[in-house]
PDB file of all heavy atoms in Angstrom:
ATOM      1  N   ALA A   1      66.883 -15.365  48.479  1.00  0.00           N
ATOM      2  CA  ALA A   1      67.309 -13.906  48.476  1.00  0.00           C
ATOM      3  C   ALA A   1      68.129 -13.651  49.663  1.00  0.00           C
ATOM      4  O   ALA A   1      67.937 -14.230  50.744  1.00  0.00           O
ATOM      5  CB  ALA A   1      66.088 -13.034  48.451  1.00  0.00           C
ATOM      6  N   SER A   2      69.112 -12.864  49.467  1.00  0.00           N
ATOM      7  CA  SER A   2      70.018 -12.479  50.586  1.00  0.00           C
ATOM      8  C   SER A   2      70.543 -10.996  50.356  1.00  0.00           C
ATOM      9  O   SER A   2      70.368 -10.488  49.267  1.00  0.00           O
ATOM     10  CB  SER A   2      71.186 -13.449  50.713  1.00  0.00           C
ATOM     11  OG  SER A   2      71.960 -13.445  49.483  1.00  0.00           O
ATOM     12  N   GLY A   3      71.225 -10.476  51.373  1.00  0.00           N
ATOM     13  CA  GLY A   3      71.884  -9.218  51.222  1.00  0.00           C
ATOM     14  C   GLY A   3      71.152  -8.018  51.896  1.00  0.00           C
ATOM     15  O   GLY A   3      71.754  -6.914  51.832  1.00  0.00           O
ATOM     16  N   GLY A   4      70.040  -8.284  52.458  1.00  0.00           N
ATOM     17  CA  GLY A   4      69.331  -7.225  53.134  1.00  0.00           C
ATOM     18  C   GLY A   4      70.035  -6.825  54.390  1.00  0.00           C
ATOM     19  O   GLY A   4      70.973  -7.528  54.881  1.00  0.00           O
ATOM     20  N   GLY A   5      69.585  -5.795  55.049  1.00  0.00           N
ATOM     21  CA  GLY A   5      70.115  -5.340  56.292  1.00  0.00           C
ATOM     22  C   GLY A   5      69.716  -3.904  56.654  1.00  0.00           C
ATOM     23  O   GLY A   5      68.765  -3.376  55.991  1.00  0.00           O
ATOM     24  N   LEU A   6      70.415  -3.382  57.622  1.00  0.00           N
ATOM     25  CA  LEU A   6      70.139  -2.012  58.105  1.00  0.00           C
ATOM     26  C   LEU A   6      71.219  -1.099  57.549  1.00  0.00           C
ATOM     27  O   LEU A   6      72.402  -1.388  57.729  1.00  0.00           O
ATOM     28  CB  LEU A   6      70.134  -1.989  59.627  1.00  0.00           C
ATOM     29  CG  LEU A   6      70.020  -0.634  60.322  1.00  0.00           C
ATOM     30  CD1 LEU A   6      68.697   0.034  60.006  1.00  0.00           C
ATOM     31  CD2 LEU A   6      70.190  -0.779  61.777  1.00  0.00           C
ATOM     32  N   VAL A   7      70.784  -0.012  56.999  1.00  0.00           N
ATOM     33  CA  VAL A   7      71.705   0.973  56.365  1.00  0.00           C
ATOM     34  C   VAL A   7      71.212   2.363  56.592  1.00  0.00           C
ATOM     35  O   VAL A   7      69.981   2.565  56.696  1.00  0.00           O
ATOM     36  CB  VAL A   7      71.946   0.687  54.891  1.00  0.00           C
ATOM     37  CG1 VAL A   7      70.608   0.876  54.114  1.00  0.00           C
ATOM     38  CG2 VAL A   7      73.038   1.484  54.300  1.00  0.00           C
ATOM     39  N   GLN A   8      72.110   3.296  56.755  1.00  0.00           N
ATOM     40  CA  GLN A   8      71.671   4.708  56.861  1.00  0.00           C
ATOM     41  C   GLN A   8      71.265   5.285  55.518  1.00  0.00           C
ATOM     42  O   GLN A   8      71.692   4.824  54.452  1.00  0.00           O
ATOM     43  CB  GLN A   8      72.868   5.573  57.396  1.00  0.00           C
ATOM     44  CG  GLN A   8      73.168   5.318  58.863  1.00  0.00           C
ATOM     45  CD  GLN A   8      74.142   6.316  59.437  1.00  0.00           C
ATOM     46  OE1 GLN A   8      74.987   6.785  58.790  1.00  0.00           O
ATOM     47  NE2 GLN A   8      74.004   6.529  60.738  1.00  0.00           N
ATOM     48  N   ALA A   9      70.413   6.269  55.569  1.00  0.00           N
ATOM     49  CA  ALA A   9      70.024   7.018  54.374  1.00  0.00           C
ATOM     50  C   ALA A   9      71.260   7.414  53.575  1.00  0.00           C
ATOM     51  O   ALA A   9      72.230   7.971  54.145  1.00  0.00           O
ATOM     52  CB  ALA A   9      69.170   8.141  54.683  1.00  0.00           C
ATOM     53  N   GLY A  10      71.196   7.243  52.242  1.00  0.00           N
ATOM     54  CA  GLY A  10      72.319   7.620  51.375  1.00  0.00           C
ATOM     55  C   GLY A  10      73.268   6.446  51.168  1.00  0.00           C
ATOM     56  O   GLY A  10      74.158   6.566  50.335  1.00  0.00           O
ATOM     57  N   GLY A  11      73.134   5.412  51.929  1.00  0.00           N
ATOM     58  CA  GLY A  11      73.945   4.227  51.816  1.00  0.00           C
ATOM     59  C   GLY A  11      73.546   3.315  50.703  1.00  0.00           C
ATOM     60  O   GLY A  11      72.618   3.550  49.944  1.00  0.00           O
ATOM     61  N   SER A  12      74.271   2.161  50.597  1.00  0.00           N
ATOM     62  CA  SER A  12      74.047   1.172  49.506  1.00  0.00           C
ATOM     63  C   SER A  12      73.924  -0.195  50.022  1.00  0.00           C
ATOM     64  O   SER A  12      74.537  -0.546  51.115  1.00  0.00           O
ATOM     65  CB  SER A  12      75.262   1.174  48.477  1.00  0.00           C
ATOM     66  OG  SER A  12      75.311   2.486  47.864  1.00  0.00           O
ATOM     67  N   LEU A  13      73.201  -1.062  49.322  1.00  0.00           N
ATOM     68  CA  LEU A  13      73.104  -2.465  49.608  1.00  0.00           C
ATOM     69  C   LEU A  13      73.057  -3.187  48.247  1.00  0.00           C
ATOM     70  O   LEU A  13      72.543  -2.623  47.233  1.00  0.00           O
ATOM     71  CB  LEU A  13      71.906  -2.812  50.435  1.00  0.00           C
ATOM     72  CG  LEU A  13      71.890  -2.561  51.967  1.00  0.00           C
ATOM     73  CD1 LEU A  13      70.528  -2.873  52.514  1.00  0.00           C
ATOM     74  CD2 LEU A  13      72.969  -3.362  52.614  1.00  0.00           C
ATOM     75  N   ARG A  14      73.502  -4.436  48.223  1.00  0.00           N
ATOM     76  CA  ARG A  14      73.328  -5.267  47.061  1.00  0.00           C
ATOM     77  C   ARG A  14      72.621  -6.559  47.442  1.00  0.00           C
ATOM     78  O   ARG A  14      73.130  -7.296  48.276  1.00  0.00           O
ATOM     79  CB  ARG A  14      74.651  -5.620  46.356  1.00  0.00           C
ATOM     80  CG  ARG A  14      74.414  -6.314  45.036  1.00  0.00           C
ATOM     81  CD  ARG A  14      75.690  -6.580  44.202  1.00  0.00           C
ATOM     82  NE  ARG A  14      76.382  -7.750  44.602  1.00  0.00           N
ATOM     83  CZ  ARG A  14      77.100  -8.493  43.802  1.00  0.00           C
ATOM     84  NH1 ARG A  14      77.251  -8.150  42.529  1.00  0.00           N
ATOM     85  NH2 ARG A  14      77.715  -9.623  44.212  1.00  0.00           N
ATOM     86  N   LEU A  15      71.421  -6.703  46.877  1.00  0.00           N
ATOM     87  CA  LEU A  15      70.640  -7.901  47.113  1.00  0.00           C
ATOM     88  C   LEU A  15      71.026  -8.981  46.021  1.00  0.00           C
ATOM     89  O   LEU A  15      71.328  -8.626  44.900  1.00  0.00           O
ATOM     90  CB  LEU A  15      69.170  -7.662  47.041  1.00  0.00           C
ATOM     91  CG  LEU A  15      68.685  -6.590  47.898  1.00  0.00           C
ATOM     92  CD1 LEU A  15      67.134  -6.474  47.817  1.00  0.00           C
ATOM     93  CD2 LEU A  15      69.081  -6.809  49.388  1.00  0.00           C
ATOM     94  N   SER A  16      71.001 -10.243  46.411  1.00  0.00           N
ATOM     95  CA  SER A  16      71.272 -11.374  45.522  1.00  0.00           C
ATOM     96  C   SER A  16      70.101 -12.303  45.632  1.00  0.00           C
ATOM     97  O   SER A  16      69.420 -12.446  46.679  1.00  0.00           O
ATOM     98  CB  SER A  16      72.527 -12.107  45.913  1.00  0.00           C
ATOM     99  OG  SER A  16      73.655 -11.267  45.812  1.00  0.00           O
ATOM    100  N   CYS A  17      69.844 -13.019  44.564  1.00  0.00           N
ATOM    101  CA  CYS A  17      68.757 -14.037  44.551  1.00  0.00           C
ATOM    102  C   CYS A  17      69.350 -15.240  43.713  1.00  0.00           C
ATOM    103  O   CYS A  17      69.526 -15.074  42.487  1.00  0.00           O
ATOM    104  CB  CYS A  17      67.516 -13.464  43.928  1.00  0.00           C
ATOM    105  SG  CYS A  17      66.207 -14.698  43.736  1.00  0.00           S
ATOM    106  N   ALA A  18      69.564 -16.277  44.397  1.00  0.00           N
ATOM    107  CA  ALA A  18      70.086 -17.483  43.757  1.00  0.00           C
ATOM    108  C   ALA A  18      68.948 -18.441  43.430  1.00  0.00           C
ATOM    109  O   ALA A  18      68.133 -18.746  44.316  1.00  0.00           O
ATOM    110  CB  ALA A  18      71.133 -18.191  44.651  1.00  0.00           C
ATOM    111  N   ALA A  19      68.910 -18.905  42.203  1.00  0.00           N
ATOM    112  CA  ALA A  19      67.825 -19.816  41.753  1.00  0.00           C
ATOM    113  C   ALA A  19      68.331 -21.222  41.594  1.00  0.00           C
ATOM    114  O   ALA A  19      69.476 -21.527  41.146  1.00  0.00           O
ATOM    115  CB  ALA A  19      67.284 -19.367  40.479  1.00  0.00           C
ATOM    116  N   SER A  20      67.566 -22.236  42.078  1.00  0.00           N
ATOM    117  CA  SER A  20      67.964 -23.635  41.956  1.00  0.00           C
ATOM    118  C   SER A  20      66.709 -24.455  41.721  1.00  0.00           C
ATOM    119  O   SER A  20      65.584 -24.047  41.977  1.00  0.00           O
ATOM    120  CB  SER A  20      68.587 -24.098  43.247  1.00  0.00           C
ATOM    121  OG  SER A  20      67.739 -23.953  44.333  1.00  0.00           O
ATOM    122  N   GLY A  21      66.949 -25.632  41.093  1.00  0.00           N
ATOM    123  CA  GLY A  21      65.848 -26.471  40.744  1.00  0.00           C
ATOM    124  C   GLY A  21      65.721 -26.681  39.220  1.00  0.00           C
ATOM    125  O   GLY A  21      66.291 -25.917  38.466  1.00  0.00           O
ATOM    126  N   ARG A  22      64.918 -27.662  38.922  1.00  0.00           N
ATOM    127  CA  ARG A  22      64.830 -28.057  37.521  1.00  0.00           C
ATOM    128  C   ARG A  22      64.347 -26.928  36.642  1.00  0.00           C
ATOM    129  O   ARG A  22      64.751 -26.756  35.478  1.00  0.00           O
ATOM    130  CB  ARG A  22      63.900 -29.275  37.409  1.00  0.00           C
ATOM    131  CG  ARG A  22      63.891 -29.894  36.118  1.00  0.00           C
ATOM    132  CD  ARG A  22      63.098 -31.156  36.120  1.00  0.00           C
ATOM    133  NE  ARG A  22      63.127 -31.848  34.843  1.00  0.00           N
ATOM    134  CZ  ARG A  22      62.526 -33.041  34.660  1.00  0.00           C
ATOM    135  NH1 ARG A  22      61.898 -33.630  35.601  1.00  0.00           N
ATOM    136  NH2 ARG A  22      62.581 -33.578  33.414  1.00  0.00           N
ATOM    137  N   THR A  23      63.426 -26.105  37.136  1.00  0.00           N
ATOM    138  CA  THR A  23      62.856 -24.993  36.326  1.00  0.00           C
ATOM    139  C   THR A  23      63.942 -24.060  35.911  1.00  0.00           C
ATOM    140  O   THR A  23      63.817 -23.409  34.836  1.00  0.00           O
ATOM    141  CB  THR A  23      61.837 -24.260  37.108  1.00  0.00           C
ATOM    142  OG1 THR A  23      60.809 -25.125  37.488  1.00  0.00           O
ATOM    143  CG2 THR A  23      61.273 -23.038  36.430  1.00  0.00           C
ATOM    144  N   PHE A  24      65.065 -23.974  36.632  1.00  0.00           N
ATOM    145  CA  PHE A  24      66.102 -23.014  36.364  1.00  0.00           C
ATOM    146  C   PHE A  24      67.325 -23.693  35.763  1.00  0.00           C
ATOM    147  O   PHE A  24      68.432 -23.145  35.780  1.00  0.00           O
ATOM    148  CB  PHE A  24      66.458 -22.249  37.555  1.00  0.00           C
ATOM    149  CG  PHE A  24      65.285 -21.542  38.198  1.00  0.00           C
ATOM    150  CD1 PHE A  24      64.761 -21.881  39.455  1.00  0.00           C
ATOM    151  CD2 PHE A  24      64.647 -20.523  37.516  1.00  0.00           C
ATOM    152  CE1 PHE A  24      63.742 -21.283  40.025  1.00  0.00           C
ATOM    153  CE2 PHE A  24      63.525 -19.823  38.078  1.00  0.00           C
ATOM    154  CZ  PHE A  24      63.121 -20.207  39.315  1.00  0.00           C
ATOM    155  N   SER A  25      67.070 -24.887  35.064  1.00  0.00           N
ATOM    156  CA  SER A  25      68.249 -25.566  34.508  1.00  0.00           C
ATOM    157  C   SER A  25      68.854 -24.744  33.416  1.00  0.00           C
ATOM    158  O   SER A  25      70.061 -24.795  33.149  1.00  0.00           O
ATOM    159  CB  SER A  25      67.805 -26.933  33.985  1.00  0.00           C
ATOM    160  OG  SER A  25      66.764 -26.810  32.990  1.00  0.00           O
ATOM    161  N   THR A  26      68.074 -23.933  32.714  1.00  0.00           N
ATOM    162  CA  THR A  26      68.542 -22.992  31.721  1.00  0.00           C
ATOM    163  C   THR A  26      68.069 -21.607  32.228  1.00  0.00           C
ATOM    164  O   THR A  26      66.978 -21.115  31.900  1.00  0.00           O
ATOM    165  CB  THR A  26      68.046 -23.201  30.307  1.00  0.00           C
ATOM    166  OG1 THR A  26      68.293 -24.537  30.002  1.00  0.00           O
ATOM    167  CG2 THR A  26      68.671 -22.235  29.340  1.00  0.00           C
ATOM    168  N   PHE A  27      68.852 -21.016  33.118  1.00  0.00           N
ATOM    169  CA  PHE A  27      68.413 -19.789  33.873  1.00  0.00           C
ATOM    170  C   PHE A  27      68.007 -18.646  32.911  1.00  0.00           C
ATOM    171  O   PHE A  27      67.212 -17.793  33.181  1.00  0.00           O
ATOM    172  CB  PHE A  27      69.489 -19.384  34.828  1.00  0.00           C
ATOM    173  CG  PHE A  27      69.129 -18.270  35.763  1.00  0.00           C
ATOM    174  CD1 PHE A  27      68.002 -18.412  36.608  1.00  0.00           C
ATOM    175  CD2 PHE A  27      69.892 -17.097  35.869  1.00  0.00           C
ATOM    176  CE1 PHE A  27      67.594 -17.399  37.451  1.00  0.00           C
ATOM    177  CE2 PHE A  27      69.499 -16.096  36.777  1.00  0.00           C
ATOM    178  CZ  PHE A  27      68.367 -16.272  37.598  1.00  0.00           C
ATOM    179  N   SER A  28      68.741 -18.608  31.703  1.00  0.00           N
ATOM    180  CA  SER A  28      68.412 -17.492  30.798  1.00  0.00           C
ATOM    181  C   SER A  28      67.068 -17.602  30.169  1.00  0.00           C
ATOM    182  O   SER A  28      66.680 -16.653  29.436  1.00  0.00           O
ATOM    183  CB  SER A  28      69.523 -17.502  29.704  1.00  0.00           C
ATOM    184  OG  SER A  28      69.529 -18.739  29.020  1.00  0.00           O
ATOM    185  N   SER A  29      66.376 -18.758  30.505  1.00  0.00           N
ATOM    186  CA  SER A  29      64.957 -18.825  29.921  1.00  0.00           C
ATOM    187  C   SER A  29      63.935 -18.196  30.883  1.00  0.00           C
ATOM    188  O   SER A  29      62.754 -18.172  30.578  1.00  0.00           O
ATOM    189  CB  SER A  29      64.621 -20.360  29.864  1.00  0.00           C
ATOM    190  OG  SER A  29      65.428 -21.028  28.973  1.00  0.00           O
ATOM    191  N   ASN A  30      64.434 -17.656  31.957  1.00  0.00           N
ATOM    192  CA  ASN A  30      63.523 -17.068  32.948  1.00  0.00           C
ATOM    193  C   ASN A  30      63.755 -15.564  33.140  1.00  0.00           C
ATOM    194  O   ASN A  30      64.828 -15.207  33.636  1.00  0.00           O
ATOM    195  CB  ASN A  30      63.692 -17.781  34.344  1.00  0.00           C
ATOM    196  CG  ASN A  30      63.490 -19.268  34.202  1.00  0.00           C
ATOM    197  OD1 ASN A  30      64.469 -20.030  34.099  1.00  0.00           O
ATOM    198  ND2 ASN A  30      62.282 -19.745  34.250  1.00  0.00           N
ATOM    199  N   ALA A  31      62.766 -14.804  32.860  1.00  0.00           N
ATOM    200  CA  ALA A  31      62.855 -13.414  33.193  1.00  0.00           C
ATOM    201  C   ALA A  31      62.727 -13.314  34.738  1.00  0.00           C
ATOM    202  O   ALA A  31      62.046 -14.187  35.345  1.00  0.00           O
ATOM    203  CB  ALA A  31      61.727 -12.622  32.571  1.00  0.00           C
TER     204      ALA A  31
END
């Protein structure tokens, strides 16, 4: 996970989560 930080009220952030490993070889199989 990445993208966190300090922001003022009313602001925006976008978090990302990158998956790797055999379990995620077909990422669309994972909710």
